[in-house]
Amino acid sequence: MPFIMWMSSFVACVGLFFMGTINYVGWLGVQDNLYIFISGTLINGCAGALALNNGVAATVEHLRRKFPGAGETVNNITSGIFVFFFSIGEMLGPILGSVLTA
């Protein structure tokens, strides 16, 4: 599982590079093209899905080792952690993005 987590992080870096090339057109010699940005967004989305599934599984495995015999409690804690950070991201992402863009 650590290999998949590292691989998803690397793929996310590649996707973010493609998404950022639109700002560095002159420096990289890449034409200003929306398809490069779309490709980066698709790559980044796939990397996020890969990391999300494996991240939840890694959290469950870590908590099961830490609290042996507490299966339902581990599932509840994992669900709580996931929902908390996912909700914070959904709330703060658009707010911070619009502030930084403005």
C-alpha atoms as a PDB file:
ATOM      1  CA  MET A   1       0.000   0.000   0.000  1.00  0.00           C
ATOM      2  CA  PRO A   2       2.788   2.555   0.613  1.00  0.00           C
ATOM      3  CA  PHE A   3       3.854   2.102  -3.027  1.00  0.00           C
ATOM      4  CA  ILE A   4       0.372   3.026  -4.242  1.00  0.00           C
ATOM      5  CA  MET A   5       0.319   6.090  -1.983  1.00  0.00           C
ATOM      6  CA  TRP A   6       3.703   7.249  -3.292  1.00  0.00           C
ATOM      7  CA  MET A   7       2.630   6.558  -6.870  1.00  0.00           C
ATOM      8  CA  SER A   8      -0.583   8.562  -6.464  1.00  0.00           C
ATOM      9  CA  SER A   9       1.434  11.463  -5.034  1.00  0.00           C
ATOM     10  CA  PHE A  10       3.786  11.365  -8.021  1.00  0.00           C
ATOM     11  CA  VAL A  11       0.862  11.222 -10.470  1.00  0.00           C
ATOM     12  CA  ALA A  12      -0.731  14.176  -8.671  1.00  0.00           C
ATOM     13  CA  CYS A  13       2.517  16.142  -9.091  1.00  0.00           C
ATOM     14  CA  VAL A  14       2.475  15.414 -12.822  1.00  0.00           C
ATOM     15  CA  GLY A  15      -1.154  16.522 -13.052  1.00  0.00           C
ATOM     16  CA  LEU A  16      -0.443  19.711 -11.124  1.00  0.00           C
ATOM     17  CA  PHE A  17       2.520  20.414 -13.415  1.00  0.00           C
ATOM     18  CA  PHE A  18       0.236  20.186 -16.451  1.00  0.00           C
ATOM     19  CA  MET A  19      -2.282  22.441 -14.738  1.00  0.00           C
ATOM     20  CA  GLY A  20       0.448  24.980 -13.960  1.00  0.00           C
ATOM     21  CA  THR A  21       2.028  25.069 -17.419  1.00  0.00           C
ATOM     22  CA  ILE A  22      -0.670  27.423 -18.608  1.00  0.00           C
ATOM     23  CA  ASN A  23       0.940  30.072 -16.368  1.00  0.00           C
ATOM     24  CA  TYR A  24       4.496  29.395 -17.610  1.00  0.00           C
ATOM     25  CA  VAL A  25       3.892  29.310 -21.350  1.00  0.00           C
ATOM     26  CA  GLY A  26       6.922  31.394 -22.283  1.00  0.00           C
ATOM     27  CA  TRP A  27       9.271  29.659 -19.867  1.00  0.00           C
ATOM     28  CA  LEU A  28       8.419  26.118 -20.997  1.00  0.00           C
ATOM     29  CA  GLY A  29       7.863  26.907 -24.650  1.00  0.00           C
ATOM     30  CA  VAL A  30       4.402  25.323 -24.496  1.00  0.00           C
ATOM     31  CA  GLN A  31       1.591  26.875 -26.464  1.00  0.00           C
ATOM     32  CA  ASP A  32      -1.293  28.311 -24.470  1.00  0.00           C
ATOM     33  CA  ASN A  33      -3.669  25.394 -24.817  1.00  0.00           C
ATOM     34  CA  LEU A  34      -6.750  24.522 -22.803  1.00  0.00           C
ATOM     35  CA  TYR A  35      -6.308  20.812 -23.569  1.00  0.00           C
ATOM     36  CA  ILE A  36      -3.115  20.709 -21.497  1.00  0.00           C
ATOM     37  CA  PHE A  37      -5.030  22.130 -18.524  1.00  0.00           C
ATOM     38  CA  ILE A  38      -7.878  19.659 -19.040  1.00  0.00           C
ATOM     39  CA  SER A  39      -5.388  16.776 -19.228  1.00  0.00           C
ATOM     40  CA  GLY A  40      -3.780  17.922 -15.993  1.00  0.00           C
ATOM     41  CA  THR A  41      -7.154  18.115 -14.296  1.00  0.00           C
ATOM     42  CA  LEU A  42      -8.030  14.577 -15.412  1.00  0.00           C
ATOM     43  CA  ILE A  43      -4.656  13.216 -14.261  1.00  0.00           C
ATOM     44  CA  ASN A  44      -4.992  14.989 -10.921  1.00  0.00           C
ATOM     45  CA  GLY A  45      -8.516  13.639 -10.447  1.00  0.00           C
ATOM     46  CA  CYS A  46      -7.356  10.068 -11.070  1.00  0.00           C
ATOM     47  CA  ALA A  47      -4.477  10.504  -8.620  1.00  0.00           C
ATOM     48  CA  GLY A  48      -6.848  11.904  -6.017  1.00  0.00           C
ATOM     49  CA  ALA A  49      -9.212   8.954  -6.371  1.00  0.00           C
ATOM     50  CA  LEU A  50      -6.299   6.531  -6.098  1.00  0.00           C
ATOM     51  CA  ALA A  51      -4.973   8.229  -2.970  1.00  0.00           C
ATOM     52  CA  LEU A  52      -8.421   8.594  -1.417  1.00  0.00           C
ATOM     53  CA  ASN A  53      -9.321   4.909  -1.522  1.00  0.00           C
ATOM     54  CA  ASN A  54      -5.929   3.772  -0.317  1.00  0.00           C
ATOM     55  CA  GLY A  55      -5.737   6.487   2.311  1.00  0.00           C
ATOM     56  CA  VAL A  56      -8.968   5.337   3.923  1.00  0.00           C
ATOM     57  CA  ALA A  57      -7.777   1.722   3.837  1.00  0.00           C
ATOM     58  CA  ALA A  58      -4.432   2.715   5.390  1.00  0.00           C
ATOM     59  CA  THR A  59      -6.242   4.635   8.142  1.00  0.00           C
ATOM     60  CA  VAL A  60      -8.432   1.627   8.952  1.00  0.00           C
ATOM     61  CA  GLU A  61      -5.395  -0.671   9.041  1.00  0.00           C
ATOM     62  CA  HIS A  62      -3.455   1.704  11.313  1.00  0.00           C
ATOM     63  CA  LEU A  63      -6.355   2.082  13.737  1.00  0.00           C
ATOM     64  CA  ARG A  64      -7.017  -1.670  13.807  1.00  0.00           C
ATOM     65  CA  ARG A  65      -3.410  -2.235  14.894  1.00  0.00           C
ATOM     66  CA  LYS A  66      -3.645   0.512  17.485  1.00  0.00           C
ATOM     67  CA  PHE A  67      -7.012  -0.645  18.874  1.00  0.00           C
ATOM     68  CA  PRO A  68      -7.202  -4.435  18.412  1.00  0.00           C
ATOM     69  CA  GLY A  69     -10.651  -5.958  18.832  1.00  0.00           C
ATOM     70  CA  ALA A  70     -12.513  -2.687  18.315  1.00  0.00           C
ATOM     71  CA  GLY A  71     -13.693  -3.256  14.740  1.00  0.00           C
ATOM     72  CA  GLU A  72     -16.844  -1.129  14.730  1.00  0.00           C
ATOM     73  CA  THR A  73     -15.168   1.663  16.700  1.00  0.00           C
ATOM     74  CA  VAL A  74     -12.313   1.720  14.196  1.00  0.00           C
ATOM     75  CA  ASN A  75     -14.764   1.996  11.306  1.00  0.00           C
ATOM     76  CA  ASN A  76     -16.616   4.826  13.070  1.00  0.00           C
ATOM     77  CA  ILE A  77     -13.397   6.732  13.814  1.00  0.00           C
ATOM     78  CA  THR A  78     -12.220   6.314  10.225  1.00  0.00           C
ATOM     79  CA  SER A  79     -15.554   7.533   8.871  1.00  0.00           C
ATOM     80  CA  GLY A  80     -15.444  10.515  11.216  1.00  0.00           C
ATOM     81  CA  ILE A  81     -11.905  11.475  10.201  1.00  0.00           C
ATOM     82  CA  PHE A  82     -12.707  11.112   6.500  1.00  0.00           C
ATOM     83  CA  VAL A  83     -15.961  13.080   6.638  1.00  0.00           C
ATOM     84  CA  PHE A  84     -14.398  15.820   8.795  1.00  0.00           C
ATOM     85  CA  PHE A  85     -11.474  16.521   6.476  1.00  0.00           C
ATOM     86  CA  PHE A  86     -13.506  16.051   3.299  1.00  0.00           C
ATOM     87  CA  SER A  87     -16.104  18.558   4.542  1.00  0.00           C
ATOM     88  CA  ILE A  88     -13.450  21.063   5.602  1.00  0.00           C
ATOM     89  CA  GLY A  89     -11.874  20.765   2.152  1.00  0.00           C
ATOM     90  CA  GLU A  90     -15.193  21.241   0.393  1.00  0.00           C
ATOM     91  CA  MET A  91     -15.885  24.315   2.492  1.00  0.00           C
ATOM     92  CA  LEU A  92     -12.479  25.991   2.475  1.00  0.00           C
ATOM     93  CA  GLY A  93     -11.458  25.091  -1.091  1.00  0.00           C
ATOM     94  CA  PRO A  94     -13.871  27.403  -2.929  1.00  0.00           C
ATOM     95  CA  ILE A  95     -13.515  30.152  -0.336  1.00  0.00           C
ATOM     96  CA  LEU A  96      -9.716  30.214  -0.404  1.00  0.00           C
ATOM     97  CA  GLY A  97      -9.663  29.719  -4.174  1.00  0.00           C
ATOM     98  CA  SER A  98     -11.904  32.727  -4.770  1.00  0.00           C
ATOM     99  CA  VAL A  99      -9.953  34.864  -2.302  1.00  0.00           C
ATOM    100  CA  LEU A 100      -6.642  33.982  -3.929  1.00  0.00           C
ATOM    101  CA  THR A 101      -8.045  34.496  -7.424  1.00  0.00           C
ATOM    102  CA  ALA A 102      -9.557  37.873  -6.536  1.00  0.00           C
END
